[in-house]
Amino acid sequence: MNNPPLPQSVLAAPAVHPPTREMMLQSKFLPWVVRVVAEGPFVTVADVLAALYRELRHRITKREWEAAGSSRSVQRAYEARCEVDPSERPKGIKRIDFLLGQTVVEALVRTKDGTWHIESHA
């Protein structure tokens, strides 16, 4: 899927209000949190997107795979990703596959413990 580029004004905007210097992102699909640290005075939309890209593009470790219970759903998401781009197959299962295709971020919702929940869809 090709997404149109976001305008610089959107990328430079605070990711959340009120602005903050650091965020911890969680998703019901991910067995870990993604830490986002501001590159400037506050966390921007660009900072969030860069952190998600950086964290989710890594090949999973054996420990992460075991924590997922060797999930068939994650395996299917990997297979679907490789159908779109066959050059991804030798790279193995990546953290992005844990999202099970739910890769469009709709919102970040602050939880009671101060972390931010990622609301996403396919």
PDB file of N, CA and C in Angstrom:
ATOM      1  N   MET A   1       0.850  -1.171   0.000  1.00  0.00           N
ATOM      2  CA  MET A   1       0.000   0.000   0.000  1.00  0.00           C
ATOM      3  C   MET A   1       0.890   1.227   0.000  1.00  0.00           C
ATOM      4  N   ASN A   2       0.656   2.140  -0.914  1.00  0.00           N
ATOM      5  CA  ASN A   2       1.388   3.392  -0.969  1.00  0.00           C
ATOM      6  C   ASN A   2       0.582   4.481  -0.296  1.00  0.00           C
ATOM      7  N   ASN A   3       1.178   5.092   0.695  1.00  0.00           N
ATOM      8  CA  ASN A   3       0.517   6.172   1.407  1.00  0.00           C
ATOM      9  C   ASN A   3       1.054   7.498   0.899  1.00  0.00           C
ATOM     10  N   PRO A   4       0.191   8.502   0.770  1.00  0.00           N
ATOM     11  CA  PRO A   4       0.690   9.816   0.363  1.00  0.00           C
ATOM     12  C   PRO A   4       1.586  10.378   1.460  1.00  0.00           C
ATOM     13  N   PRO A   5       2.596  11.131   1.092  1.00  0.00           N
ATOM     14  CA  PRO A   5       3.471  11.708   2.122  1.00  0.00           C
ATOM     15  C   PRO A   5       2.707  12.704   2.993  1.00  0.00           C
ATOM     16  N   LEU A   6       3.064  12.738   4.240  1.00  0.00           N
ATOM     17  CA  LEU A   6       2.448  13.703   5.149  1.00  0.00           C
ATOM     18  C   LEU A   6       3.145  15.050   4.987  1.00  0.00           C
ATOM     19  N   PRO A   7       2.395  16.131   5.059  1.00  0.00           N
ATOM     20  CA  PRO A   7       3.020  17.459   4.978  1.00  0.00           C
ATOM     21  C   PRO A   7       3.983  17.676   6.149  1.00  0.00           C
ATOM     22  N   GLN A   8       5.008  18.447   5.933  1.00  0.00           N
ATOM     23  CA  GLN A   8       5.991  18.742   6.975  1.00  0.00           C
ATOM     24  C   GLN A   8       5.325  19.340   8.211  1.00  0.00           C
ATOM     25  N   SER A   9       4.273  20.130   7.999  1.00  0.00           N
ATOM     26  CA  SER A   9       3.582  20.744   9.134  1.00  0.00           C
ATOM     27  C   SER A   9       2.949  19.684  10.041  1.00  0.00           C
ATOM     28  N   VAL A  10       2.493  18.583   9.467  1.00  0.00           N
ATOM     29  CA  VAL A  10       1.920  17.487  10.255  1.00  0.00           C
ATOM     30  C   VAL A  10       3.034  16.723  10.960  1.00  0.00           C
ATOM     31  N   LEU A  11       4.104  16.407  10.240  1.00  0.00           N
ATOM     32  CA  LEU A  11       5.222  15.657  10.819  1.00  0.00           C
ATOM     33  C   LEU A  11       5.873  16.404  11.989  1.00  0.00           C
ATOM     34  N   ALA A  12       5.918  17.731  11.909  1.00  0.00           N
ATOM     35  CA  ALA A  12       6.567  18.540  12.945  1.00  0.00           C
ATOM     36  C   ALA A  12       5.647  18.861  14.119  1.00  0.00           C
ATOM     37  N   ALA A  13       4.374  18.515  14.016  1.00  0.00           N
ATOM     38  CA  ALA A  13       3.404  18.820  15.072  1.00  0.00           C
ATOM     39  C   ALA A  13       3.601  17.895  16.269  1.00  0.00           C
ATOM     40  N   PRO A  14       3.200  18.363  17.459  1.00  0.00           N
ATOM     41  CA  PRO A  14       3.243  17.468  18.621  1.00  0.00           C
ATOM     42  C   PRO A  14       2.409  16.219  18.350  1.00  0.00           C
ATOM     43  N   ALA A  15       2.928  15.076  18.766  1.00  0.00           N
ATOM     44  CA  ALA A  15       2.209  13.818  18.557  1.00  0.00           C
ATOM     45  C   ALA A  15       0.971  13.733  19.429  1.00  0.00           C
ATOM     46  N   VAL A  16       1.027  14.344  20.594  1.00  0.00           N
ATOM     47  CA  VAL A  16      -0.079  14.326  21.547  1.00  0.00           C
ATOM     48  C   VAL A  16      -0.187  15.687  22.225  1.00  0.00           C
ATOM     49  N   HIS A  17      -1.338  15.916  22.837  1.00  0.00           N
ATOM     50  CA  HIS A  17      -1.546  17.159  23.589  1.00  0.00           C
ATOM     51  C   HIS A  17      -1.924  16.807  25.011  1.00  0.00           C
ATOM     52  N   PRO A  18      -1.300  17.395  26.002  1.00  0.00           N
ATOM     53  CA  PRO A  18      -0.214  18.358  25.866  1.00  0.00           C
ATOM     54  C   PRO A  18       1.065  17.673  25.390  1.00  0.00           C
ATOM     55  N   PRO A  19       1.948  18.436  24.748  1.00  0.00           N
ATOM     56  CA  PRO A  19       3.209  17.858  24.267  1.00  0.00           C
ATOM     57  C   PRO A  19       4.029  17.251  25.406  1.00  0.00           C
ATOM     58  N   THR A  20       4.809  16.234  25.070  1.00  0.00           N
ATOM     59  CA  THR A  20       5.633  15.541  26.049  1.00  0.00           C
ATOM     60  C   THR A  20       6.999  15.244  25.445  1.00  0.00           C
ATOM     61  N   ARG A  21       7.992  14.971  26.278  1.00  0.00           N
ATOM     62  CA  ARG A  21       9.353  14.680  25.797  1.00  0.00           C
ATOM     63  C   ARG A  21       9.584  13.193  25.537  1.00  0.00           C
ATOM     64  N   GLU A  22       8.728  12.348  26.118  1.00  0.00           N
ATOM     65  CA  GLU A  22       8.911  10.899  25.974  1.00  0.00           C
ATOM     66  C   GLU A  22       7.554  10.216  26.030  1.00  0.00           C
ATOM     67  N   MET A  23       7.443   9.127  25.281  1.00  0.00           N
ATOM     68  CA  MET A  23       6.210   8.341  25.275  1.00  0.00           C
ATOM     69  C   MET A  23       6.561   6.861  25.254  1.00  0.00           C
ATOM     70  N   MET A  24       5.712   6.073  25.871  1.00  0.00           N
ATOM     71  CA  MET A  24       5.804   4.623  25.784  1.00  0.00           C
ATOM     72  C   MET A  24       4.536   4.159  25.091  1.00  0.00           C
ATOM     73  N   LEU A  25       4.706   3.490  23.933  1.00  0.00           N
ATOM     74  CA  LEU A  25       3.573   3.047  23.129  1.00  0.00           C
ATOM     75  C   LEU A  25       3.337   1.559  23.324  1.00  0.00           C
ATOM     76  N   GLN A  26       2.067   1.177  23.431  1.00  0.00           N
ATOM     77  CA  GLN A  26       1.683  -0.223  23.550  1.00  0.00           C
ATOM     78  C   GLN A  26       0.605  -0.538  22.522  1.00  0.00           C
ATOM     79  N   SER A  27       0.543  -1.793  22.156  1.00  0.00           N
ATOM     80  CA  SER A  27      -0.532  -2.287  21.302  1.00  0.00           C
ATOM     81  C   SER A  27      -0.951  -3.637  21.849  1.00  0.00           C
ATOM     82  N   LYS A  28      -2.224  -3.949  21.704  1.00  0.00           N
ATOM     83  CA  LYS A  28      -2.692  -5.267  22.158  1.00  0.00           C
ATOM     84  C   LYS A  28      -2.033  -6.381  21.366  1.00  0.00           C
ATOM     85  N   PHE A  29      -1.442  -6.056  20.221  1.00  0.00           N
ATOM     86  CA  PHE A  29      -0.799  -7.056  19.374  1.00  0.00           C
ATOM     87  C   PHE A  29       0.675  -7.271  19.707  1.00  0.00           C
ATOM     88  N   LEU A  30       1.296  -6.314  20.401  1.00  0.00           N
ATOM     89  CA  LEU A  30       2.744  -6.378  20.630  1.00  0.00           C
ATOM     90  C   LEU A  30       3.061  -6.792  22.063  1.00  0.00           C
ATOM     91  N   PRO A  31       3.986  -7.737  22.234  1.00  0.00           N
ATOM     92  CA  PRO A  31       4.349  -8.166  23.585  1.00  0.00           C
ATOM     93  C   PRO A  31       5.421  -7.288  24.237  1.00  0.00           C
ATOM     94  N   TRP A  32       5.673  -6.103  23.700  1.00  0.00           N
ATOM     95  CA  TRP A  32       6.652  -5.170  24.246  1.00  0.00           C
ATOM     96  C   TRP A  32       6.147  -3.755  24.017  1.00  0.00           C
ATOM     97  N   VAL A  33       6.812  -2.788  24.639  1.00  0.00           N
ATOM     98  CA  VAL A  33       6.462  -1.384  24.436  1.00  0.00           C
ATOM     99  C   VAL A  33       7.484  -0.747  23.507  1.00  0.00           C
ATOM    100  N   VAL A  34       7.070   0.316  22.843  1.00  0.00           N
ATOM    101  CA  VAL A  34       7.948   1.080  21.966  1.00  0.00           C
ATOM    102  C   VAL A  34       8.198   2.417  22.644  1.00  0.00           C
ATOM    103  N   ARG A  35       9.458   2.708  22.919  1.00  0.00           N
ATOM    104  CA  ARG A  35       9.828   3.973  23.565  1.00  0.00           C
ATOM    105  C   ARG A  35      10.079   5.021  22.487  1.00  0.00           C
ATOM    106  N   VAL A  36       9.473   6.201  22.678  1.00  0.00           N
ATOM    107  CA  VAL A  36       9.664   7.323  21.759  1.00  0.00           C
ATOM    108  C   VAL A  36      10.239   8.482  22.564  1.00  0.00           C
ATOM    109  N   VAL A  37      11.388   8.979  22.124  1.00  0.00           N
ATOM    110  CA  VAL A  37      12.039  10.105  22.783  1.00  0.00           C
ATOM    111  C   VAL A  37      12.087  11.264  21.794  1.00  0.00           C
ATOM    112  N   ALA A  38      11.761  12.452  22.273  1.00  0.00           N
ATOM    113  CA  ALA A  38      11.736  13.632  21.419  1.00  0.00           C
ATOM    114  C   ALA A  38      13.118  13.934  20.850  1.00  0.00           C
ATOM    115  N   GLU A  39      13.140  14.263  19.572  1.00  0.00           N
ATOM    116  CA  GLU A  39      14.376  14.735  18.927  1.00  0.00           C
ATOM    117  C   GLU A  39      14.541  16.232  19.154  1.00  0.00           C
ATOM    118  N   GLY A  40      13.478  16.902  19.544  1.00  0.00           N
ATOM    119  CA  GLY A  40      13.474  18.344  19.796  1.00  0.00           C
ATOM    120  C   GLY A  40      12.819  18.611  21.138  1.00  0.00           C
ATOM    121  N   PRO A  41      12.088  19.720  21.240  1.00  0.00           N
ATOM    122  CA  PRO A  41      11.483  20.072  22.532  1.00  0.00           C
ATOM    123  C   PRO A  41      10.319  19.177  22.957  1.00  0.00           C
ATOM    124  N   PHE A  42       9.705  18.455  21.981  1.00  0.00           N
ATOM    125  CA  PHE A  42       8.581  17.569  22.301  1.00  0.00           C
ATOM    126  C   PHE A  42       8.520  16.459  21.245  1.00  0.00           C
ATOM    127  N   VAL A  43       7.824  15.380  21.593  1.00  0.00           N
ATOM    128  CA  VAL A  43       7.646  14.261  20.662  1.00  0.00           C
ATOM    129  C   VAL A  43       6.728  14.728  19.533  1.00  0.00           C
ATOM    130  N   THR A  44       7.213  14.567  18.307  1.00  0.00           N
ATOM    131  CA  THR A  44       6.432  14.950  17.129  1.00  0.00           C
ATOM    132  C   THR A  44       5.823  13.716  16.466  1.00  0.00           C
ATOM    133  N   VAL A  45       4.945  13.961  15.523  1.00  0.00           N
ATOM    134  CA  VAL A  45       4.390  12.879  14.715  1.00  0.00           C
ATOM    135  C   VAL A  45       5.533  12.125  14.035  1.00  0.00           C
ATOM    136  N   ALA A  46       6.520  12.854  13.522  1.00  0.00           N
ATOM    137  CA  ALA A  46       7.677  12.224  12.875  1.00  0.00           C
ATOM    138  C   ALA A  46       8.447  11.341  13.850  1.00  0.00           C
ATOM    139  N   ASP A  47       8.615  11.781  15.093  1.00  0.00           N
ATOM    140  CA  ASP A  47       9.307  10.964  16.103  1.00  0.00           C
ATOM    141  C   ASP A  47       8.579   9.642  16.329  1.00  0.00           C
ATOM    142  N   VAL A  48       7.247   9.693  16.415  1.00  0.00           N
ATOM    143  CA  VAL A  48       6.456   8.480  16.634  1.00  0.00           C
ATOM    144  C   VAL A  48       6.594   7.536  15.442  1.00  0.00           C
ATOM    145  N   LEU A  49       6.444   8.065  14.239  1.00  0.00           N
ATOM    146  CA  LEU A  49       6.550   7.224  13.047  1.00  0.00           C
ATOM    147  C   LEU A  49       7.941   6.610  12.922  1.00  0.00           C
ATOM    148  N   ALA A  50       8.975   7.397  13.214  1.00  0.00           N
ATOM    149  CA  ALA A  50      10.353   6.887  13.133  1.00  0.00           C
ATOM    150  C   ALA A  50      10.591   5.787  14.164  1.00  0.00           C
ATOM    151  N   ALA A  51      10.089   5.979  15.379  1.00  0.00           N
ATOM    152  CA  ALA A  51      10.272   4.966  16.427  1.00  0.00           C
ATOM    153  C   ALA A  51       9.544   3.671  16.065  1.00  0.00           C
ATOM    154  N   LEU A  52       8.324   3.790  15.563  1.00  0.00           N
ATOM    155  CA  LEU A  52       7.588   2.588  15.160  1.00  0.00           C
ATOM    156  C   LEU A  52       8.306   1.872  14.024  1.00  0.00           C
ATOM    157  N   TYR A  53       8.747   2.616  13.034  1.00  0.00           N
ATOM    158  CA  TYR A  53       9.472   2.009  11.915  1.00  0.00           C
ATOM    159  C   TYR A  53      10.734   1.304  12.413  1.00  0.00           C
ATOM    160  N   ARG A  54      11.502   2.000  13.240  1.00  0.00           N
ATOM    161  CA  ARG A  54      12.765   1.456  13.742  1.00  0.00           C
ATOM    162  C   ARG A  54      12.536   0.177  14.553  1.00  0.00           C
ATOM    163  N   GLU A  55      11.538   0.178  15.415  1.00  0.00           N
ATOM    164  CA  GLU A  55      11.298  -0.967  16.298  1.00  0.00           C
ATOM    165  C   GLU A  55      10.635  -2.151  15.597  1.00  0.00           C
ATOM    166  N   LEU A  56       9.758  -1.877  14.643  1.00  0.00           N
ATOM    167  CA  LEU A  56       8.976  -2.954  14.043  1.00  0.00           C
ATOM    168  C   LEU A  56       9.648  -3.610  12.845  1.00  0.00           C
ATOM    169  N   ARG A  57      10.739  -3.063  12.350  1.00  0.00           N
ATOM    170  CA  ARG A  57      11.391  -3.639  11.174  1.00  0.00           C
ATOM    171  C   ARG A  57      12.407  -4.734  11.535  1.00  0.00           C
ATOM    172  N   HIS A  58      12.681  -4.904  12.833  1.00  0.00           N
ATOM    173  CA  HIS A  58      13.658  -5.907  13.261  1.00  0.00           C
ATOM    174  C   HIS A  58      13.106  -7.324  13.159  1.00  0.00           C
ATOM    175  N   ARG A  59      13.991  -8.231  12.798  1.00  0.00           N
ATOM    176  CA  ARG A  59      13.643  -9.653  12.835  1.00  0.00           C
ATOM    177  C   ARG A  59      13.432 -10.046  14.296  1.00  0.00           C
ATOM    178  N   ILE A  60      12.440 -10.878  14.531  1.00  0.00           N
ATOM    179  CA  ILE A  60      12.170 -11.250  15.920  1.00  0.00           C
ATOM    180  C   ILE A  60      13.235 -12.210  16.432  1.00  0.00           C
ATOM    181  N   THR A  61      13.378 -12.204  17.729  1.00  0.00           N
ATOM    182  CA  THR A  61      14.315 -13.112  18.375  1.00  0.00           C
ATOM    183  C   THR A  61      13.590 -14.413  18.722  1.00  0.00           C
ATOM    184  N   LYS A  62      14.356 -15.424  19.024  1.00  0.00           N
ATOM    185  CA  LYS A  62      13.763 -16.698  19.442  1.00  0.00           C
ATOM    186  C   LYS A  62      12.901 -16.485  20.683  1.00  0.00           C
ATOM    187  N   ARG A  63      13.369 -15.655  21.587  1.00  0.00           N
ATOM    188  CA  ARG A  63      12.634 -15.379  22.823  1.00  0.00           C
ATOM    189  C   ARG A  63      11.290 -14.703  22.520  1.00  0.00           C
ATOM    190  N   GLU A  64      11.280 -13.742  21.577  1.00  0.00           N
ATOM    191  CA  GLU A  64      10.030 -13.076  21.203  1.00  0.00           C
ATOM    192  C   GLU A  64       9.062 -14.062  20.563  1.00  0.00           C
ATOM    193  N   TRP A  65       9.590 -14.954  19.721  1.00  0.00           N
ATOM    194  CA  TRP A  65       8.749 -15.955  19.064  1.00  0.00           C
ATOM    195  C   TRP A  65       8.144 -16.893  20.098  1.00  0.00           C
ATOM    196  N   GLU A  66       8.941 -17.305  21.069  1.00  0.00           N
ATOM    197  CA  GLU A  66       8.445 -18.182  22.127  1.00  0.00           C
ATOM    198  C   GLU A  66       7.400 -17.464  22.980  1.00  0.00           C
ATOM    199  N   ALA A  67       7.609 -16.163  23.231  1.00  0.00           N
ATOM    200  CA  ALA A  67       6.648 -15.381  24.014  1.00  0.00           C
ATOM    201  C   ALA A  67       5.310 -15.281  23.285  1.00  0.00           C
ATOM    202  N   ALA A  68       5.352 -15.308  21.963  1.00  0.00           N
ATOM    203  CA  ALA A  68       4.123 -15.251  21.161  1.00  0.00           C
ATOM    204  C   ALA A  68       3.456 -16.611  21.078  1.00  0.00           C
ATOM    205  N   GLY A  69       4.087 -17.632  21.629  1.00  0.00           N
ATOM    206  CA  GLY A  69       3.527 -18.978  21.560  1.00  0.00           C
ATOM    207  C   GLY A  69       3.596 -19.548  20.150  1.00  0.00           C
ATOM    208  N   SER A  70       4.647 -19.140  19.417  1.00  0.00           N
ATOM    209  CA  SER A  70       4.808 -19.590  18.025  1.00  0.00           C
ATOM    210  C   SER A  70       3.502 -19.408  17.262  1.00  0.00           C
ATOM    211  N   SER A  71       2.966 -18.239  17.338  1.00  0.00           N
ATOM    212  CA  SER A  71       1.636 -17.910  16.833  1.00  0.00           C
ATOM    213  C   SER A  71       1.442 -18.171  15.343  1.00  0.00           C
ATOM    214  N   ARG A  72       0.393 -18.916  15.033  1.00  0.00           N
ATOM    215  CA  ARG A  72       0.031 -19.152  13.631  1.00  0.00           C
ATOM    216  C   ARG A  72      -0.428 -17.846  12.978  1.00  0.00           C
ATOM    217  N   SER A  73      -1.055 -16.974  13.761  1.00  0.00           N
ATOM    218  CA  SER A  73      -1.515 -15.691  13.222  1.00  0.00           C
ATOM    219  C   SER A  73      -0.332 -14.837  12.778  1.00  0.00           C
ATOM    220  N   VAL A  74       0.726 -14.826  13.573  1.00  0.00           N
ATOM    221  CA  VAL A  74       1.932 -14.072  13.207  1.00  0.00           C
ATOM    222  C   VAL A  74       2.558 -14.700  11.966  1.00  0.00           C
ATOM    223  N   GLN A  75       2.587 -16.016  11.906  1.00  0.00           N
ATOM    224  CA  GLN A  75       3.113 -16.716  10.735  1.00  0.00           C
ATOM    225  C   GLN A  75       2.326 -16.337   9.475  1.00  0.00           C
ATOM    226  N   ARG A  76       0.999 -16.288   9.599  1.00  0.00           N
ATOM    227  CA  ARG A  76       0.161 -15.909   8.451  1.00  0.00           C
ATOM    228  C   ARG A  76       0.411 -14.457   8.034  1.00  0.00           C
ATOM    229  N   ALA A  77       0.614 -13.566   9.002  1.00  0.00           N
ATOM    230  CA  ALA A  77       0.902 -12.164   8.682  1.00  0.00           C
ATOM    231  C   ALA A  77       2.234 -12.054   7.939  1.00  0.00           C
ATOM    232  N   TYR A  78       3.215 -12.840   8.354  1.00  0.00           N
ATOM    233  CA  TYR A  78       4.511 -12.889   7.659  1.00  0.00           C
ATOM    234  C   TYR A  78       4.327 -13.365   6.220  1.00  0.00           C
ATOM    235  N   GLU A  79       3.559 -14.425   6.038  1.00  0.00           N
ATOM    236  CA  GLU A  79       3.324 -14.957   4.699  1.00  0.00           C
ATOM    237  C   GLU A  79       2.628 -13.916   3.815  1.00  0.00           C
ATOM    238  N   ALA A  80       1.652 -13.210   4.374  1.00  0.00           N
ATOM    239  CA  ALA A  80       0.944 -12.176   3.612  1.00  0.00           C
ATOM    240  C   ALA A  80       1.897 -11.044   3.225  1.00  0.00           C
ATOM    241  N   ARG A  81       2.768 -10.655   4.141  1.00  0.00           N
ATOM    242  CA  ARG A  81       3.752  -9.595   3.849  1.00  0.00           C
ATOM    243  C   ARG A  81       4.682 -10.034   2.733  1.00  0.00           C
ATOM    244  N   CYS A  82       5.079 -11.288   2.749  1.00  0.00           N
ATOM    245  CA  CYS A  82       5.999 -11.811   1.729  1.00  0.00           C
ATOM    246  C   CYS A  82       5.316 -11.959   0.371  1.00  0.00           C
ATOM    247  N   GLU A  83       4.008 -12.178   0.364  1.00  0.00           N
ATOM    248  CA  GLU A  83       3.281 -12.226  -0.912  1.00  0.00           C
ATOM    249  C   GLU A  83       3.325 -10.869  -1.602  1.00  0.00           C
ATOM    250  N   VAL A  84       3.237  -9.811  -0.814  1.00  0.00           N
ATOM    251  CA  VAL A  84       3.293  -8.454  -1.363  1.00  0.00           C
ATOM    252  C   VAL A  84       4.709  -8.126  -1.830  1.00  0.00           C
ATOM    253  N   ASP A  85       5.709  -8.556  -1.051  1.00  0.00           N
ATOM    254  CA  ASP A  85       7.107  -8.273  -1.381  1.00  0.00           C
ATOM    255  C   ASP A  85       7.946  -9.530  -1.143  1.00  0.00           C
ATOM    256  N   PRO A  86       8.117 -10.368  -2.182  1.00  0.00           N
ATOM    257  CA  PRO A  86       8.853 -11.622  -2.025  1.00  0.00           C
ATOM    258  C   PRO A  86      10.297 -11.451  -1.522  1.00  0.00           C
ATOM    259  N   SER A  87      10.882 -10.282  -1.701  1.00  0.00           N
ATOM    260  CA  SER A  87      12.247 -10.065  -1.204  1.00  0.00           C
ATOM    261  C   SER A  87      12.307 -10.074   0.323  1.00  0.00           C
ATOM    262  N   GLU A  88      11.159 -10.005   0.992  1.00  0.00           N
ATOM    263  CA  GLU A  88      11.109 -10.030   2.453  1.00  0.00           C
ATOM    264  C   GLU A  88      11.234 -11.447   3.019  1.00  0.00           C
ATOM    265  N   ARG A  89      10.930 -12.461   2.223  1.00  0.00           N
ATOM    266  CA  ARG A  89      10.921 -13.839   2.730  1.00  0.00           C
ATOM    267  C   ARG A  89      12.222 -14.243   3.435  1.00  0.00           C
ATOM    268  N   PRO A  90      13.395 -14.033   2.825  1.00  0.00           N
ATOM    269  CA  PRO A  90      14.617 -14.469   3.518  1.00  0.00           C
ATOM    270  C   PRO A  90      14.936 -13.668   4.782  1.00  0.00           C
ATOM    271  N   LYS A  91      14.264 -12.571   4.985  1.00  0.00           N
ATOM    272  CA  LYS A  91      14.515 -11.741   6.166  1.00  0.00           C
ATOM    273  C   LYS A  91      13.806 -12.272   7.397  1.00  0.00           C
ATOM    274  N   GLY A  92      12.880 -13.217   7.190  1.00  0.00           N
ATOM    275  CA  GLY A  92      12.196 -13.854   8.309  1.00  0.00           C
ATOM    276  C   GLY A  92      11.095 -13.021   8.916  1.00  0.00           C
ATOM    277  N   ILE A  93      10.518 -13.569   9.976  1.00  0.00           N
ATOM    278  CA  ILE A  93       9.433 -12.895  10.682  1.00  0.00           C
ATOM    279  C   ILE A  93       9.999 -11.672  11.385  1.00  0.00           C
ATOM    280  N   LYS A  94       9.304 -10.569  11.220  1.00  0.00           N
ATOM    281  CA  LYS A  94       9.712  -9.315  11.850  1.00  0.00           C
ATOM    282  C   LYS A  94       8.655  -8.902  12.872  1.00  0.00           C
ATOM    283  N   ARG A  95       9.035  -7.955  13.711  1.00  0.00           N
ATOM    284  CA  ARG A  95       8.101  -7.458  14.722  1.00  0.00           C
ATOM    285  C   ARG A  95       6.816  -6.921  14.110  1.00  0.00           C
ATOM    286  N   ILE A  96       6.888  -6.336  12.919  1.00  0.00           N
ATOM    287  CA  ILE A  96       5.701  -5.798  12.248  1.00  0.00           C
ATOM    288  C   ILE A  96       4.635  -6.881  12.059  1.00  0.00           C
ATOM    289  N   ASP A  97       5.072  -8.126  11.913  1.00  0.00           N
ATOM    290  CA  ASP A  97       4.130  -9.223  11.699  1.00  0.00           C
ATOM    291  C   ASP A  97       3.246  -9.471  12.920  1.00  0.00           C
ATOM    292  N   PHE A  98       3.692  -9.053  14.099  1.00  0.00           N
ATOM    293  CA  PHE A  98       2.881  -9.210  15.310  1.00  0.00           C
ATOM    294  C   PHE A  98       1.621  -8.359  15.246  1.00  0.00           C
ATOM    295  N   LEU A  99       1.619  -7.328  14.386  1.00  0.00           N
ATOM    296  CA  LEU A  99       0.435  -6.476  14.251  1.00  0.00           C
ATOM    297  C   LEU A  99      -0.672  -7.144  13.431  1.00  0.00           C
ATOM    298  N   LEU A 100      -0.372  -8.291  12.835  1.00  0.00           N
ATOM    299  CA  LEU A 100      -1.371  -9.083  12.108  1.00  0.00           C
ATOM    300  C   LEU A 100      -2.073  -8.265  11.019  1.00  0.00           C
ATOM    301  N   GLY A 101      -1.292  -7.409  10.364  1.00  0.00           N
ATOM    302  CA  GLY A 101      -1.837  -6.604   9.280  1.00  0.00           C
ATOM    303  C   GLY A 101      -2.515  -5.319   9.725  1.00  0.00           C
ATOM    304  N   GLN A 102      -2.627  -5.110  11.024  1.00  0.00           N
ATOM    305  CA  GLN A 102      -3.267  -3.904  11.568  1.00  0.00           C
ATOM    306  C   GLN A 102      -2.235  -2.774  11.630  1.00  0.00           C
ATOM    307  N   THR A 103      -1.828  -2.260  10.482  1.00  0.00           N
ATOM    308  CA  THR A 103      -0.685  -1.348  10.413  1.00  0.00           C
ATOM    309  C   THR A 103      -1.033   0.118  10.180  1.00  0.00           C
ATOM    310  N   VAL A 104      -2.307   0.455  10.134  1.00  0.00           N
ATOM    311  CA  VAL A 104      -2.701   1.856   9.964  1.00  0.00           C
ATOM    312  C   VAL A 104      -3.041   2.417  11.344  1.00  0.00           C
ATOM    313  N   VAL A 105      -2.233   3.360  11.813  1.00  0.00           N
ATOM    314  CA  VAL A 105      -2.454   3.946  13.135  1.00  0.00           C
ATOM    315  C   VAL A 105      -3.574   4.976  13.039  1.00  0.00           C
ATOM    316  N   GLU A 106      -4.598   4.785  13.851  1.00  0.00           N
ATOM    317  CA  GLU A 106      -5.734   5.711  13.896  1.00  0.00           C
ATOM    318  C   GLU A 106      -5.580   6.745  14.993  1.00  0.00           C
ATOM    319  N   ALA A 107      -5.106   6.288  16.158  1.00  0.00           N
ATOM    320  CA  ALA A 107      -5.029   7.186  17.302  1.00  0.00           C
ATOM    321  C   ALA A 107      -4.068   6.634  18.339  1.00  0.00           C
ATOM    322  N   LEU A 108      -3.621   7.527  19.208  1.00  0.00           N
ATOM    323  CA  LEU A 108      -2.863   7.157  20.396  1.00  0.00           C
ATOM    324  C   LEU A 108      -3.717   7.572  21.583  1.00  0.00           C
ATOM    325  N   VAL A 109      -4.043   6.612  22.439  1.00  0.00           N
ATOM    326  CA  VAL A 109      -4.939   6.863  23.564  1.00  0.00           C
ATOM    327  C   VAL A 109      -4.165   6.679  24.855  1.00  0.00           C
ATOM    328  N   ARG A 110      -4.153   7.707  25.679  1.00  0.00           N
ATOM    329  CA  ARG A 110      -3.421   7.635  26.949  1.00  0.00           C
ATOM    330  C   ARG A 110      -4.148   6.726  27.927  1.00  0.00           C
ATOM    331  N   THR A 111      -3.390   5.825  28.543  1.00  0.00           N
ATOM    332  CA  THR A 111      -3.954   4.904  29.529  1.00  0.00           C
ATOM    333  C   THR A 111      -3.734   5.451  30.937  1.00  0.00           C
ATOM    334  N   LYS A 112      -4.363   4.835  31.915  1.00  0.00           N
ATOM    335  CA  LYS A 112      -4.254   5.300  33.299  1.00  0.00           C
ATOM    336  C   LYS A 112      -2.825   5.260  33.816  1.00  0.00           C
ATOM    337  N   ASP A 113      -2.026   4.306  33.317  1.00  0.00           N
ATOM    338  CA  ASP A 113      -0.649   4.192  33.801  1.00  0.00           C
ATOM    339  C   ASP A 113       0.326   5.108  33.058  1.00  0.00           C
ATOM    340  N   GLY A 114      -0.197   5.955  32.149  1.00  0.00           N
ATOM    341  CA  GLY A 114       0.649   6.913  31.456  1.00  0.00           C
ATOM    342  C   GLY A 114       1.231   6.446  30.131  1.00  0.00           C
ATOM    343  N   THR A 115       1.033   5.186  29.788  1.00  0.00           N
ATOM    344  CA  THR A 115       1.487   4.724  28.480  1.00  0.00           C
ATOM    345  C   THR A 115       0.432   5.135  27.450  1.00  0.00           C
ATOM    346  N   TRP A 116       0.780   4.975  26.194  1.00  0.00           N
ATOM    347  CA  TRP A 116      -0.119   5.336  25.094  1.00  0.00           C
ATOM    348  C   TRP A 116      -0.465   4.076  24.310  1.00  0.00           C
ATOM    349  N   HIS A 117      -1.757   3.805  24.183  1.00  0.00           N
ATOM    350  CA  HIS A 117      -2.225   2.631  23.449  1.00  0.00           C
ATOM    351  C   HIS A 117      -2.381   3.006  21.986  1.00  0.00           C
ATOM    352  N   ILE A 118      -1.850   2.170  21.106  1.00  0.00           N
ATOM    353  CA  ILE A 118      -1.948   2.378  19.667  1.00  0.00           C
ATOM    354  C   ILE A 118      -3.251   1.758  19.173  1.00  0.00           C
ATOM    355  N   GLU A 119      -4.146   2.602  18.668  1.00  0.00           N
ATOM    356  CA  GLU A 119      -5.372   2.124  18.011  1.00  0.00           C
ATOM    357  C   GLU A 119      -5.028   1.996  16.539  1.00  0.00           C
ATOM    358  N   SER A 120      -5.222   0.808  15.960  1.00  0.00           N
ATOM    359  CA  SER A 120      -4.850   0.599  14.562  1.00  0.00           C
ATOM    360  C   SER A 120      -5.857  -0.300  13.857  1.00  0.00           C
ATOM    361  N   HIS A 121      -5.747  -0.316  12.527  1.00  0.00           N
ATOM    362  CA  HIS A 121      -6.592  -1.177  11.707  1.00  0.00           C
ATOM    363  C   HIS A 121      -5.825  -1.568  10.453  1.00  0.00           C
ATOM    364  N   ALA A 122      -6.404  -2.464   9.661  1.00  0.00           N
ATOM    365  CA  ALA A 122      -5.757  -2.938   8.437  1.00  0.00           C
ATOM    366  C   ALA A 122      -5.851  -1.900   7.344  1.00  0.00           C
TER     367      ALA A 122
END
